[in-house]
Amino acid sequence: MLVRVELLDGRSLRHVLTAGAPSYIIPERESALSVIKGYLTLGFFHILDGLDHLLFLIGIVLIVRWRRMLLWTVTAFTVGHSITLALAVLGLVNIPQQITEAAIALSIYFLGIELVRSYRTKNTLMDRYPWIIAGLFGLLHGLGFAGALSEVGLPQTDIPLALFSFNIGIEAGQLLFLGAVVLVWAAFRRLPFSWPAFVKYIPAYAIGSLAALWFLERIWNIL
């Protein structure tokens, strides 16, 4: 549960309560360490709760696999969403959240298509320029992160620190998830039997189908 306390002197405090830490003592003055811990936690749990963002990361791993290019591709995605997250939170970019969420679903659908094409030919756009595509879509996903952060709010006296901590939390959750995906993928490849040819298409069609459903739902909500 996210607790937000608005004080009469204009200050606002935010804290995440969990089953292991179900209480919060309101400090007289919020320290920099408290801001870092609070927003890092928010970012970490936000990325792990965002199924659409995680599905996009799975698609990237399946297309790029664990080649060296995976590192650059994920880095480009990180740089992209870090830029738009900062711009949106600071009020320099303002796009309605419903439109952003629909566009994110469309980006995942595109990734599903590219994944199917990559199994048929190695000359797809994502195969040739994975880091460019990931960076561009990262710009879009950053707007989605900004929407979540805007609901929480930022401490007016520590905006840069809170923004940085939130972003670090997102990256920590993202790296943890990517590590788990790569380990599971490597484990499946080590099994002592050959998978039928159609099995490799299942993740691609699952990603594309879910993304299409989300896109239609979000467009319907806009209309």
C-alpha atoms as a PDB file:
ATOM      1  CA  MET A   1       0.000   0.000   0.000  1.00  0.00           C
ATOM      2  CA  LEU A   2       1.231   3.465  -0.856  1.00  0.00           C
ATOM      3  CA  VAL A   3       0.765   6.034   1.912  1.00  0.00           C
ATOM      4  CA  ARG A   4       0.848   9.715   1.025  1.00  0.00           C
ATOM      5  CA  VAL A   5       0.705  12.291   3.810  1.00  0.00           C
ATOM      6  CA  GLU A   6      -0.046  15.943   3.004  1.00  0.00           C
ATOM      7  CA  LEU A   7       1.094  18.277   5.785  1.00  0.00           C
ATOM      8  CA  LEU A   8      -0.307  21.723   6.529  1.00  0.00           C
ATOM      9  CA  ASP A   9       3.039  23.378   5.833  1.00  0.00           C
ATOM     10  CA  GLY A  10       2.855  22.220   2.207  1.00  0.00           C
ATOM     11  CA  ARG A  11       5.168  19.245   2.491  1.00  0.00           C
ATOM     12  CA  SER A  12       4.098  15.798   1.310  1.00  0.00           C
ATOM     13  CA  LEU A  13       5.534  12.437   2.364  1.00  0.00           C
ATOM     14  CA  ARG A  14       5.268   9.081   0.612  1.00  0.00           C
ATOM     15  CA  HIS A  15       5.983   5.611   1.906  1.00  0.00           C
ATOM     16  CA  VAL A  16       5.300   2.026   0.821  1.00  0.00           C
ATOM     17  CA  LEU A  17       3.803  -0.289   3.452  1.00  0.00           C
ATOM     18  CA  THR A  18       4.298  -4.027   3.062  1.00  0.00           C
ATOM     19  CA  ALA A  19       3.365  -7.118   5.063  1.00  0.00           C
ATOM     20  CA  GLY A  20       6.880  -7.153   6.477  1.00  0.00           C
ATOM     21  CA  ALA A  21       6.870  -3.446   7.342  1.00  0.00           C
ATOM     22  CA  PRO A  22       3.226  -2.456   7.978  1.00  0.00           C
ATOM     23  CA  SER A  23       3.887   0.784   9.877  1.00  0.00           C
ATOM     24  CA  TYR A  24       5.392   4.204   9.163  1.00  0.00           C
ATOM     25  CA  ILE A  25       6.522   6.919  11.554  1.00  0.00           C
ATOM     26  CA  ILE A  26       6.057  10.376  10.077  1.00  0.00           C
ATOM     27  CA  PRO A  27       9.386  12.202  10.492  1.00  0.00           C
ATOM     28  CA  GLU A  28       9.646  15.835  11.525  1.00  0.00           C
ATOM     29  CA  ARG A  29      11.798  16.395   8.449  1.00  0.00           C
ATOM     30  CA  GLU A  30      12.224  13.905   5.617  1.00  0.00           C
ATOM     31  CA  SER A  31      15.885  13.079   5.052  1.00  0.00           C
ATOM     32  CA  ALA A  32      17.560  12.546   1.690  1.00  0.00           C
ATOM     33  CA  LEU A  33      18.074   8.887   2.580  1.00  0.00           C
ATOM     34  CA  SER A  34      14.349   8.500   3.234  1.00  0.00           C
ATOM     35  CA  VAL A  35      13.542  10.016  -0.176  1.00  0.00           C
ATOM     36  CA  ILE A  36      16.001   7.678  -1.900  1.00  0.00           C
ATOM     37  CA  LYS A  37      14.656   4.593  -0.137  1.00  0.00           C
ATOM     38  CA  GLY A  38      11.006   5.485  -0.701  1.00  0.00           C
ATOM     39  CA  TYR A  39      11.203   6.289  -4.401  1.00  0.00           C
ATOM     40  CA  LEU A  40      13.639   3.492  -5.176  1.00  0.00           C
ATOM     41  CA  THR A  41      11.117   1.071  -3.661  1.00  0.00           C
ATOM     42  CA  LEU A  42       8.293   2.645  -5.659  1.00  0.00           C
ATOM     43  CA  GLY A  43      10.217   2.269  -8.910  1.00  0.00           C
ATOM     44  CA  PHE A  44      11.244  -1.311  -8.160  1.00  0.00           C
ATOM     45  CA  PHE A  45       7.707  -2.513  -7.469  1.00  0.00           C
ATOM     46  CA  HIS A  46       6.207  -0.473 -10.291  1.00  0.00           C
ATOM     47  CA  ILE A  47       8.232  -2.222 -13.005  1.00  0.00           C
ATOM     48  CA  LEU A  48       7.538  -5.652 -11.528  1.00  0.00           C
ATOM     49  CA  ASP A  49       3.800  -4.879 -11.414  1.00  0.00           C
ATOM     50  CA  GLY A  50       3.747  -3.580 -15.010  1.00  0.00           C
ATOM     51  CA  LEU A  51       2.895  -6.637 -17.107  1.00  0.00           C
ATOM     52  CA  ASP A  52       3.010  -4.693 -20.370  1.00  0.00           C
ATOM     53  CA  HIS A  53       6.538  -3.411 -19.714  1.00  0.00           C
ATOM     54  CA  LEU A  54       7.709  -6.877 -18.666  1.00  0.00           C
ATOM     55  CA  LEU A  55       6.192  -8.419 -21.784  1.00  0.00           C
ATOM     56  CA  PHE A  56       8.141  -5.949 -23.899  1.00  0.00           C
ATOM     57  CA  LEU A  57      11.365  -6.971 -22.158  1.00  0.00           C
ATOM     58  CA  ILE A  58      10.607 -10.660 -22.771  1.00  0.00           C
ATOM     59  CA  GLY A  59      10.127  -9.908 -26.457  1.00  0.00           C
ATOM     60  CA  ILE A  60      13.496  -8.141 -26.603  1.00  0.00           C
ATOM     61  CA  VAL A  61      15.265 -11.123 -25.015  1.00  0.00           C
ATOM     62  CA  LEU A  62      13.592 -13.594 -27.400  1.00  0.00           C
ATOM     63  CA  ILE A  63      14.587 -11.559 -30.467  1.00  0.00           C
ATOM     64  CA  VAL A  64      18.100 -10.497 -29.498  1.00  0.00           C
ATOM     65  CA  ARG A  65      18.771 -13.551 -27.282  1.00  0.00           C
ATOM     66  CA  TRP A  66      21.861 -13.376 -25.076  1.00  0.00           C
ATOM     67  CA  ARG A  67      24.259 -11.984 -27.639  1.00  0.00           C
ATOM     68  CA  ARG A  68      26.366  -8.975 -26.711  1.00  0.00           C
ATOM     69  CA  MET A  69      23.813  -6.864 -28.539  1.00  0.00           C
ATOM     70  CA  LEU A  70      21.304  -7.628 -25.754  1.00  0.00           C
ATOM     71  CA  LEU A  71      23.274  -5.413 -23.373  1.00  0.00           C
ATOM     72  CA  TRP A  72      23.249  -2.482 -25.807  1.00  0.00           C
ATOM     73  CA  THR A  73      19.589  -3.021 -26.637  1.00  0.00           C
ATOM     74  CA  VAL A  74      18.491  -2.990 -22.994  1.00  0.00           C
ATOM     75  CA  THR A  75      20.740   0.022 -22.371  1.00  0.00           C
ATOM     76  CA  ALA A  76      19.081   1.882 -25.240  1.00  0.00           C
ATOM     77  CA  PHE A  77      15.647   1.044 -23.820  1.00  0.00           C
ATOM     78  CA  THR A  78      16.784   2.342 -20.427  1.00  0.00           C
ATOM     79  CA  VAL A  79      18.151   5.592 -21.866  1.00  0.00           C
ATOM     80  CA  GLY A  80      14.972   6.119 -23.859  1.00  0.00           C
ATOM     81  CA  HIS A  81      12.538   5.758 -20.972  1.00  0.00           C
ATOM     82  CA  SER A  82      14.815   7.723 -18.631  1.00  0.00           C
ATOM     83  CA  ILE A  83      14.679  10.735 -20.979  1.00  0.00           C
ATOM     84  CA  THR A  84      10.910  10.895 -21.358  1.00  0.00           C
ATOM     85  CA  LEU A  85      10.335  10.047 -17.695  1.00  0.00           C
ATOM     86  CA  ALA A  86      12.335  13.118 -16.693  1.00  0.00           C
ATOM     87  CA  LEU A  87      10.770  15.366 -19.353  1.00  0.00           C
ATOM     88  CA  ALA A  88       7.216  14.331 -18.459  1.00  0.00           C
ATOM     89  CA  VAL A  89       7.692  14.615 -14.691  1.00  0.00           C
ATOM     90  CA  LEU A  90       9.226  18.070 -15.079  1.00  0.00           C
ATOM     91  CA  GLY A  91       6.255  19.164 -17.203  1.00  0.00           C
ATOM     92  CA  LEU A  92       8.183  19.607 -20.464  1.00  0.00           C
ATOM     93  CA  VAL A  93       6.191  16.859 -22.228  1.00  0.00           C
ATOM     94  CA  ASN A  94       2.490  16.371 -21.648  1.00  0.00           C
ATOM     95  CA  ILE A  95       0.640  13.553 -23.432  1.00  0.00           C
ATOM     96  CA  PRO A  96      -2.659  12.153 -22.119  1.00  0.00           C
ATOM     97  CA  GLN A  97      -2.013   8.954 -20.195  1.00  0.00           C
ATOM     98  CA  GLN A  98      -4.725   6.963 -21.973  1.00  0.00           C
ATOM     99  CA  ILE A  99      -3.130   7.680 -25.353  1.00  0.00           C
ATOM    100  CA  THR A 100       0.286   6.731 -23.982  1.00  0.00           C
ATOM    101  CA  GLU A 101      -0.985   3.409 -22.628  1.00  0.00           C
ATOM    102  CA  ALA A 102      -2.637   2.547 -25.960  1.00  0.00           C
ATOM    103  CA  ALA A 103       0.581   3.378 -27.815  1.00  0.00           C
ATOM    104  CA  ILE A 104       2.583   1.176 -25.422  1.00  0.00           C
ATOM    105  CA  ALA A 105       0.262  -1.751 -26.178  1.00  0.00           C
ATOM    106  CA  LEU A 106       0.758  -1.095 -29.906  1.00  0.00           C
ATOM    107  CA  SER A 107       4.546  -1.141 -29.461  1.00  0.00           C
ATOM    108  CA  ILE A 108       4.321  -4.574 -27.817  1.00  0.00           C
ATOM    109  CA  TYR A 109       2.125  -5.809 -30.686  1.00  0.00           C
ATOM    110  CA  PHE A 110       4.783  -4.615 -33.140  1.00  0.00           C
ATOM    111  CA  LEU A 111       7.409  -6.517 -31.151  1.00  0.00           C
ATOM    112  CA  GLY A 112       5.317  -9.702 -31.360  1.00  0.00           C
ATOM    113  CA  ILE A 113       5.152  -9.340 -35.153  1.00  0.00           C
ATOM    114  CA  GLU A 114       8.906  -8.795 -35.340  1.00  0.00           C
ATOM    115  CA  LEU A 115       9.458 -11.895 -33.228  1.00  0.00           C
ATOM    116  CA  VAL A 116       7.429 -14.066 -35.620  1.00  0.00           C
ATOM    117  CA  ARG A 117       9.264 -12.573 -38.603  1.00  0.00           C
ATOM    118  CA  SER A 118      12.641 -13.185 -36.964  1.00  0.00           C
ATOM    119  CA  TYR A 119      11.927 -16.929 -36.937  1.00  0.00           C
ATOM    120  CA  ARG A 120      11.238 -16.870 -40.675  1.00  0.00           C
ATOM    121  CA  THR A 121      13.962 -14.486 -41.826  1.00  0.00           C
ATOM    122  CA  LYS A 122      16.978 -12.940 -40.134  1.00  0.00           C
ATOM    123  CA  ASN A 123      16.647  -9.632 -41.968  1.00  0.00           C
ATOM    124  CA  THR A 124      13.930  -7.993 -39.866  1.00  0.00           C
ATOM    125  CA  LEU A 125      14.109  -4.423 -38.656  1.00  0.00           C
ATOM    126  CA  MET A 126      14.601  -5.562 -35.058  1.00  0.00           C
ATOM    127  CA  ASP A 127      17.373  -7.973 -36.051  1.00  0.00           C
ATOM    128  CA  ARG A 128      19.275  -5.246 -37.890  1.00  0.00           C
ATOM    129  CA  TYR A 129      18.745  -2.325 -35.499  1.00  0.00           C
ATOM    130  CA  PRO A 130      17.549  -3.720 -32.160  1.00  0.00           C
ATOM    131  CA  TRP A 131      19.059  -0.941 -30.045  1.00  0.00           C
ATOM    132  CA  ILE A 132      17.512   1.817 -32.167  1.00  0.00           C
ATOM    133  CA  ILE A 133      14.034   0.260 -32.023  1.00  0.00           C
ATOM    134  CA  ALA A 134      14.352  -0.422 -28.286  1.00  0.00           C
ATOM    135  CA  GLY A 135      15.490   3.153 -27.673  1.00  0.00           C
ATOM    136  CA  LEU A 136      12.566   4.633 -29.594  1.00  0.00           C
ATOM    137  CA  PHE A 137      10.060   2.430 -27.793  1.00  0.00           C
ATOM    138  CA  GLY A 138      11.815   3.265 -24.539  1.00  0.00           C
ATOM    139  CA  LEU A 139      10.824   6.902 -25.100  1.00  0.00           C
ATOM    140  CA  LEU A 140       7.218   5.751 -25.237  1.00  0.00           C
ATOM    141  CA  HIS A 141       7.420   3.512 -22.169  1.00  0.00           C
ATOM    142  CA  GLY A 142       9.004   6.344 -20.193  1.00  0.00           C
ATOM    143  CA  LEU A 143       5.781   8.308 -20.585  1.00  0.00           C
ATOM    144  CA  GLY A 144       3.964   5.370 -19.000  1.00  0.00           C
ATOM    145  CA  PHE A 145       6.360   5.376 -16.047  1.00  0.00           C
ATOM    146  CA  ALA A 146       5.818   9.120 -15.698  1.00  0.00           C
ATOM    147  CA  GLY A 147       2.067   8.605 -15.477  1.00  0.00           C
ATOM    148  CA  ALA A 148       2.526   6.274 -12.523  1.00  0.00           C
ATOM    149  CA  LEU A 149       4.927   8.676 -10.830  1.00  0.00           C
ATOM    150  CA  SER A 150       2.595  11.634 -11.332  1.00  0.00           C
ATOM    151  CA  GLU A 151      -0.107   9.782  -9.379  1.00  0.00           C
ATOM    152  CA  VAL A 152       2.296   9.446  -6.463  1.00  0.00           C
ATOM    153  CA  GLY A 153       3.708  12.950  -6.696  1.00  0.00           C
ATOM    154  CA  LEU A 154       7.168  14.299  -5.948  1.00  0.00           C
ATOM    155  CA  PRO A 155       8.563  16.121  -2.920  1.00  0.00           C
ATOM    156  CA  GLN A 156       8.921  19.721  -4.033  1.00  0.00           C
ATOM    157  CA  THR A 157      12.280  20.160  -2.295  1.00  0.00           C
ATOM    158  CA  ASP A 158      13.852  16.929  -3.606  1.00  0.00           C
ATOM    159  CA  ILE A 159      12.491  16.464  -7.144  1.00  0.00           C
ATOM    160  CA  PRO A 160      15.835  15.529  -8.812  1.00  0.00           C
ATOM    161  CA  LEU A 161      16.712  13.069  -6.039  1.00  0.00           C
ATOM    162  CA  ALA A 162      13.251  11.454  -6.055  1.00  0.00           C
ATOM    163  CA  LEU A 163      13.242  11.195  -9.860  1.00  0.00           C
ATOM    164  CA  PHE A 164      16.707   9.649  -9.895  1.00  0.00           C
ATOM    165  CA  SER A 165      15.819   7.163  -7.151  1.00  0.00           C
ATOM    166  CA  PHE A 166      12.581   6.144  -8.882  1.00  0.00           C
ATOM    167  CA  ASN A 167      14.497   5.516 -12.102  1.00  0.00           C
ATOM    168  CA  ILE A 168      17.165   3.465 -10.304  1.00  0.00           C
ATOM    169  CA  GLY A 169      14.406   1.386  -8.740  1.00  0.00           C
ATOM    170  CA  ILE A 170      12.945   0.721 -12.184  1.00  0.00           C
ATOM    171  CA  GLU A 171      16.349  -0.363 -13.499  1.00  0.00           C
ATOM    172  CA  ALA A 172      16.935  -2.670 -10.530  1.00  0.00           C
ATOM    173  CA  GLY A 173      13.594  -4.396 -11.068  1.00  0.00           C
ATOM    174  CA  GLN A 174      14.206  -4.545 -14.815  1.00  0.00           C
ATOM    175  CA  LEU A 175      17.628  -6.174 -14.426  1.00  0.00           C
ATOM    176  CA  LEU A 176      16.283  -8.677 -11.897  1.00  0.00           C
ATOM    177  CA  PHE A 177      13.488  -9.671 -14.269  1.00  0.00           C
ATOM    178  CA  LEU A 178      15.799  -9.880 -17.298  1.00  0.00           C
ATOM    179  CA  GLY A 179      18.199 -12.089 -15.363  1.00  0.00           C
ATOM    180  CA  ALA A 180      15.356 -14.465 -14.485  1.00  0.00           C
ATOM    181  CA  VAL A 181      14.164 -14.580 -18.119  1.00  0.00           C
ATOM    182  CA  VAL A 182      17.632 -15.346 -19.448  1.00  0.00           C
ATOM    183  CA  LEU A 183      18.147 -18.108 -16.860  1.00  0.00           C
ATOM    184  CA  VAL A 184      14.805 -19.741 -17.671  1.00  0.00           C
ATOM    185  CA  TRP A 185      15.504 -19.494 -21.403  1.00  0.00           C
ATOM    186  CA  ALA A 186      18.952 -21.065 -20.974  1.00  0.00           C
ATOM    187  CA  ALA A 187      17.473 -23.864 -18.835  1.00  0.00           C
ATOM    188  CA  PHE A 188      14.928 -24.742 -21.524  1.00  0.00           C
ATOM    189  CA  ARG A 189      17.668 -24.872 -24.158  1.00  0.00           C
ATOM    190  CA  ARG A 190      19.632 -27.370 -22.049  1.00  0.00           C
ATOM    191  CA  LEU A 191      16.807 -29.892 -21.799  1.00  0.00           C
ATOM    192  CA  PRO A 192      17.874 -33.198 -23.452  1.00  0.00           C
ATOM    193  CA  PHE A 193      15.278 -33.232 -26.216  1.00  0.00           C
ATOM    194  CA  SER A 194      14.246 -31.197 -29.218  1.00  0.00           C
ATOM    195  CA  TRP A 195      11.172 -29.014 -29.057  1.00  0.00           C
ATOM    196  CA  PRO A 196       8.667 -29.201 -31.940  1.00  0.00           C
ATOM    197  CA  ALA A 197       9.146 -26.368 -34.431  1.00  0.00           C
ATOM    198  CA  PHE A 198       5.815 -24.715 -33.575  1.00  0.00           C
ATOM    199  CA  VAL A 199       6.737 -24.260 -29.888  1.00  0.00           C
ATOM    200  CA  LYS A 200       9.007 -21.289 -30.596  1.00  0.00           C
ATOM    201  CA  TYR A 201       6.042 -19.396 -32.048  1.00  0.00           C
ATOM    202  CA  ILE A 202       3.937 -19.691 -28.872  1.00  0.00           C
ATOM    203  CA  PRO A 203       5.602 -16.785 -26.981  1.00  0.00           C
ATOM    204  CA  ALA A 204       5.392 -14.551 -30.046  1.00  0.00           C
ATOM    205  CA  TYR A 205       1.681 -15.164 -30.575  1.00  0.00           C
ATOM    206  CA  ALA A 206       0.993 -14.855 -26.841  1.00  0.00           C
ATOM    207  CA  ILE A 207       2.770 -11.478 -26.737  1.00  0.00           C
ATOM    208  CA  GLY A 208       0.999 -10.252 -29.869  1.00  0.00           C
ATOM    209  CA  SER A 209      -2.433 -11.465 -28.757  1.00  0.00           C
ATOM    210  CA  LEU A 210      -2.204  -9.884 -25.303  1.00  0.00           C
ATOM    211  CA  ALA A 211      -0.915  -6.628 -26.790  1.00  0.00           C
ATOM    212  CA  ALA A 212      -3.747  -6.530 -29.328  1.00  0.00           C
ATOM    213  CA  LEU A 213      -6.298  -7.103 -26.551  1.00  0.00           C
ATOM    214  CA  TRP A 214      -4.789  -4.338 -24.428  1.00  0.00           C
ATOM    215  CA  PHE A 215      -4.720  -1.963 -27.391  1.00  0.00           C
ATOM    216  CA  LEU A 216      -8.393  -2.537 -28.205  1.00  0.00           C
ATOM    217  CA  GLU A 217      -9.386  -2.161 -24.540  1.00  0.00           C
ATOM    218  CA  ARG A 218      -7.434   1.067 -24.157  1.00  0.00           C
ATOM    219  CA  ILE A 219      -8.757   2.524 -27.409  1.00  0.00           C
ATOM    220  CA  TRP A 220     -12.263   1.641 -26.273  1.00  0.00           C
ATOM    221  CA  ASN A 221     -11.672   3.463 -22.981  1.00  0.00           C
ATOM    222  CA  ILE A 222     -10.492   6.546 -24.896  1.00  0.00           C
ATOM    223  CA  LEU A 223     -13.575   6.503 -27.102  1.00  0.00           C
END
